[in-house]
């Protein structure tokens, strides 16, 4: 059996006095793509922030290749192989495309050129605009840059928050194809939060359904796609 890259048990977290995550348990195997979907406010993005170390958990455990991450700062998690492409992209808009990418390589400074070439092989559009400001890119190109910057750290687990947010369908299809290519070529594990359920199930091996801070369903993606409750609630199929 493949090794568990990420193992989360009974995770609780929130903001102020408001509990958002209410005992989340999930795992990601090595080389696997796992999706998380659910309604707005279900805790999906909060979950990724906790795993990345951007938000302190209240209780439960987060393990990465068996190591407890609880007391590790975000930068230490990146060094161990966790990378997050955040919702809203969080780019340095006044810096060039290539400067943004290099900012993602601080844990792999000896391999900057190799990793730039690697990212450009996945996103050739970025190579042609490498000297342009990130703020001048289209929404789709900015999403490519966000994912590319995360790849510069050579992650073992790539987390992506809202892959399709604000993007045209053709751009989303292009990104989905690229992620599948990355998975096949590099065997990187991925954890993807995605509001567009059909897309989430298309690119993933397994998926978890969040609702009000809890896991309410899970399974292999192809099985969830055929499940009546999922089709009615999330795919508008009667």
Protein backbone atom coordinates (compact mmCIF):
# COMPACT_ATOMS: atom_id res chain seq x y z
CA UNK A 1 0.00 0.00 0.00
CA UNK A 2 1.18 3.53 -0.79
CA UNK A 3 2.49 5.65 2.05
CA UNK A 4 0.29 8.33 3.60
CA UNK A 5 1.70 11.73 2.70
CA UNK A 6 -0.84 13.63 4.79
CA UNK A 7 -2.88 12.27 7.68
CA UNK A 8 -5.29 14.55 9.54
CA UNK A 9 -7.29 13.35 12.54
CA UNK A 10 -10.11 15.11 14.40
CA UNK A 11 -8.88 18.56 13.38
CA UNK A 12 -10.61 21.57 14.94
CA UNK A 13 -9.89 25.23 14.24
CA UNK A 14 -11.57 28.59 13.83
CA UNK A 15 -11.36 32.35 14.09
CA UNK A 16 -11.80 34.12 17.42
CA UNK A 17 -14.50 32.22 19.28
CA UNK A 18 -16.08 30.79 16.12
CA UNK A 19 -15.31 27.14 15.43
CA UNK A 20 -15.04 26.45 11.68
CA UNK A 21 -13.50 22.97 11.52
CA UNK A 22 -15.30 20.47 13.72
CA UNK A 23 -13.25 17.30 13.77
CA UNK A 24 -11.97 16.83 10.22
CA UNK A 25 -10.33 13.48 9.46
CA UNK A 26 -8.81 12.74 6.05
CA UNK A 27 -5.68 11.45 4.37
CA UNK A 28 -3.75 11.67 1.11
CA UNK A 29 -1.63 8.83 -0.24
CA UNK A 30 1.64 9.24 -2.10
CA UNK A 31 1.01 10.05 -5.78
CA UNK A 32 -2.70 10.63 -5.20
CA UNK A 33 -4.88 13.61 -6.10
CA UNK A 34 -7.57 14.31 -3.51
CA UNK A 35 -10.29 16.92 -3.90
CA UNK A 36 -12.31 18.74 -1.26
CA UNK A 37 -15.61 20.30 -2.20
CA UNK A 38 -18.72 21.61 -0.48
CA UNK A 39 -20.84 24.70 -0.08
CA UNK A 40 -19.42 28.15 0.67
CA UNK A 41 -18.47 28.49 4.32
CA UNK A 42 -17.95 24.76 4.82
CA UNK A 43 -14.34 25.19 5.98
CA UNK A 44 -12.45 24.11 2.87
CA UNK A 45 -10.03 27.04 2.65
CA UNK A 46 -9.66 27.15 6.43
CA UNK A 47 -8.57 23.52 6.34
CA UNK A 48 -5.78 24.25 3.85
CA UNK A 49 -4.62 27.22 5.92
CA UNK A 50 -4.28 25.00 8.99
CA UNK A 51 -2.34 22.33 7.10
CA UNK A 52 -0.03 25.00 5.65
CA UNK A 53 0.54 26.49 9.11
CA UNK A 54 -1.14 29.82 8.33
CA UNK A 55 -3.81 29.24 10.97
CA UNK A 56 -3.31 27.55 14.33
CA UNK A 57 -5.33 24.41 14.95
CA UNK A 58 -7.37 24.13 18.14
CA UNK A 59 -7.18 20.38 18.45
CA UNK A 60 -6.51 17.17 16.58
CA UNK A 61 -3.39 16.26 14.64
CA UNK A 62 -1.75 16.92 11.27
CA UNK A 63 0.98 14.51 10.17
CA UNK A 64 3.15 14.76 7.07
CA UNK A 65 4.94 11.52 6.22
CA UNK A 66 4.33 10.55 9.84
CA UNK A 67 5.82 13.72 11.34
CA UNK A 68 3.57 15.89 13.49
CA UNK A 69 3.40 19.42 12.07
CA UNK A 70 1.64 21.07 14.99
CA UNK A 71 4.55 23.20 16.18
CA UNK A 72 6.16 23.89 12.80
CA UNK A 73 6.04 27.37 11.25
CA UNK A 74 4.79 27.70 7.64
CA UNK A 75 8.32 28.04 6.24
CA UNK A 76 9.40 24.84 7.96
CA UNK A 77 6.47 23.02 6.38
CA UNK A 78 7.54 24.29 2.97
CA UNK A 79 11.04 22.92 3.61
CA UNK A 80 9.53 19.52 4.34
CA UNK A 81 7.62 19.50 1.07
CA UNK A 82 4.27 21.25 1.59
CA UNK A 83 3.29 23.97 -0.88
CA UNK A 84 0.08 26.00 -1.12
CA UNK A 85 -1.21 27.88 -4.16
CA UNK A 86 -3.59 30.18 -2.29
CA UNK A 87 -7.06 31.38 -3.22
CA UNK A 88 -6.71 34.78 -4.88
CA UNK A 89 -3.21 33.79 -6.07
CA UNK A 90 -1.35 36.08 -3.58
CA UNK A 91 1.24 37.16 -6.14
CA UNK A 92 3.75 40.01 -5.96
CA UNK A 93 1.99 42.07 -8.62
CA UNK A 94 4.75 44.68 -8.92
CA UNK A 95 7.41 42.05 -9.60
CA UNK A 96 8.06 40.19 -12.83
CA UNK A 97 6.78 36.72 -13.59
CA UNK A 98 10.24 35.23 -13.20
CA UNK A 99 10.91 37.11 -9.97
CA UNK A 100 7.67 35.68 -8.55
CA UNK A 101 8.77 32.19 -9.53
CA UNK A 102 12.20 32.65 -7.98
CA UNK A 103 10.52 33.76 -4.73
CA UNK A 104 9.07 30.25 -4.56
CA UNK A 105 12.48 28.60 -4.82
CA UNK A 106 14.02 29.81 -1.56
CA UNK A 107 14.25 26.24 -0.24
CA UNK A 108 15.92 25.02 -3.45
CA UNK A 109 18.32 27.84 -4.32
CA UNK A 110 20.82 25.51 -6.00
CA UNK A 111 18.16 24.33 -8.44
CA UNK A 112 16.56 27.59 -9.55
CA UNK A 113 17.40 27.21 -13.25
CA UNK A 114 16.26 23.58 -13.40
CA UNK A 115 13.00 24.41 -11.67
CA UNK A 116 12.36 27.46 -13.86
CA UNK A 117 12.79 25.26 -16.93
CA UNK A 118 10.46 22.69 -15.37
CA UNK A 119 7.73 25.25 -14.67
CA UNK A 120 8.07 26.78 -18.13
CA UNK A 121 7.67 23.31 -19.66
CA UNK A 122 4.26 23.06 -18.01
CA UNK A 123 3.29 26.69 -18.62
CA UNK A 124 5.06 27.94 -21.78
CA UNK A 125 2.85 31.04 -21.67
CA UNK A 126 4.80 32.17 -18.62
CA UNK A 127 8.17 31.83 -20.34
CA UNK A 128 7.08 34.28 -23.02
CA UNK A 129 6.02 36.75 -20.33
CA UNK A 130 8.80 36.10 -17.84
CA UNK A 131 9.87 39.78 -17.78
CA UNK A 132 6.31 41.12 -17.60
CA UNK A 133 4.81 42.27 -14.30
CA UNK A 134 2.61 39.69 -12.60
CA UNK A 135 -0.07 42.36 -12.27
CA UNK A 136 -0.31 42.62 -16.07
CA UNK A 137 -1.17 38.95 -16.56
CA UNK A 138 -4.64 37.61 -17.28
CA UNK A 139 -6.47 35.74 -14.54
CA UNK A 140 -5.57 32.40 -16.07
CA UNK A 141 -1.91 33.32 -16.39
CA UNK A 142 -1.87 34.49 -12.78
CA UNK A 143 -3.24 31.11 -11.70
CA UNK A 144 -0.52 29.40 -13.73
CA UNK A 145 2.04 31.61 -11.99
CA UNK A 146 0.63 30.79 -8.57
CA UNK A 147 0.85 27.06 -9.25
CA UNK A 148 4.27 27.47 -10.87
CA UNK A 149 5.62 29.34 -7.86
CA UNK A 150 4.44 26.52 -5.59
CA UNK A 151 6.14 23.98 -7.86
CA UNK A 152 9.46 25.84 -7.54
CA UNK A 153 9.87 24.44 -4.02
CA UNK A 154 9.71 20.86 -5.37
CA UNK A 155 6.76 19.93 -3.15
CA UNK A 156 5.79 16.43 -2.13
CA UNK A 157 2.24 17.69 -1.55
CA UNK A 158 0.85 20.51 -3.69
CA UNK A 159 -2.27 22.16 -2.26
CA UNK A 160 -4.40 24.34 -4.52
CA UNK A 161 -7.21 26.55 -3.20
CA UNK A 162 -9.96 27.21 -5.77
CA UNK A 163 -8.31 26.26 -9.05
CA UNK A 164 -11.11 27.61 -11.28
CA UNK A 165 -12.08 30.76 -9.38
CA UNK A 166 -12.97 33.54 -11.84
CA UNK A 167 -11.56 31.74 -14.88
CA UNK A 168 -13.07 30.96 -18.28
CA UNK A 169 -13.94 27.28 -18.94
CA UNK A 170 -11.25 26.91 -21.62
CA UNK A 171 -8.59 28.14 -19.19
CA UNK A 172 -9.85 25.79 -16.49
CA UNK A 173 -9.64 22.85 -18.89
CA UNK A 174 -6.07 23.81 -19.73
CA UNK A 175 -5.11 23.97 -16.05
CA UNK A 176 -6.78 20.63 -15.35
CA UNK A 177 -4.84 18.97 -18.17
CA UNK A 178 -1.60 20.43 -16.84
CA UNK A 179 -2.25 19.16 -13.32
CA UNK A 180 -2.90 15.68 -14.67
CA UNK A 181 0.37 15.91 -16.60
CA UNK A 182 2.26 16.98 -13.48
CA UNK A 183 0.77 14.08 -11.55
CA UNK A 184 1.80 11.58 -14.22
CA UNK A 185 5.32 12.94 -14.74
CA UNK A 186 6.31 13.73 -11.17
CA UNK A 187 4.03 11.64 -8.95
CA UNK A 188 3.39 14.68 -6.76
CA UNK A 189 0.49 14.25 -4.36
CA UNK A 190 -2.14 16.97 -4.61
CA UNK A 191 -4.92 18.28 -2.39
CA UNK A 192 -7.30 20.50 -4.33
CA UNK A 193 -10.13 22.63 -2.94
CA UNK A 194 -12.57 23.34 -5.74
CA UNK A 195 -16.06 24.85 -5.88
CA UNK A 196 -16.77 23.41 -9.34
CA UNK A 197 -17.65 19.86 -8.33
CA UNK A 198 -17.50 18.27 -11.79
CA UNK A 199 -13.95 19.60 -12.18
CA UNK A 200 -12.95 18.43 -8.70
CA UNK A 201 -14.11 14.90 -9.47
CA UNK A 202 -12.54 14.93 -12.93
CA UNK A 203 -8.99 15.64 -11.76
CA UNK A 204 -8.96 13.64 -8.50
CA UNK A 205 -8.69 10.01 -7.44
CA UNK A 206 -10.72 10.51 -4.28
CA UNK A 207 -12.74 13.32 -2.76
CA UNK A 208 -14.13 14.54 0.55
CA UNK A 209 -17.33 16.54 0.92
CA UNK A 210 -17.31 19.26 3.60
CA UNK A 211 -20.41 20.79 5.15
CA UNK A 212 -20.41 23.18 8.10
CA UNK A 213 -16.89 22.17 9.08
CA UNK A 214 -17.39 18.42 8.94
CA UNK A 215 -16.74 15.62 6.45
CA UNK A 216 -20.20 14.45 5.40
CA UNK A 217 -19.21 12.16 2.52
CA UNK A 218 -16.11 10.70 0.91
CA UNK A 219 -15.12 8.14 -1.68
CA UNK A 220 -13.51 7.46 -5.01
CA UNK A 221 -14.26 10.30 -7.39
CA UNK A 222 -15.83 8.18 -10.11
CA UNK A 223 -18.19 6.65 -7.54
CA UNK A 224 -19.14 10.03 -6.07
CA UNK A 225 -19.88 11.30 -9.57
CA UNK A 226 -22.58 8.63 -9.89
CA UNK A 227 -23.98 9.00 -6.37
CA UNK A 228 -27.53 10.39 -6.45
CA UNK A 229 -27.07 12.63 -3.40
CA UNK A 230 -23.99 14.25 -4.92
CA UNK A 231 -25.61 14.69 -8.33
CA UNK A 232 -28.72 16.31 -6.85
CA UNK A 233 -26.95 18.58 -4.37
CA UNK A 234 -23.83 19.64 -6.24
CA UNK A 235 -24.37 18.86 -9.93
CA UNK A 236 -28.00 20.02 -10.27
CA UNK A 237 -29.05 16.64 -11.66
CA UNK A 238 -32.62 15.66 -10.77
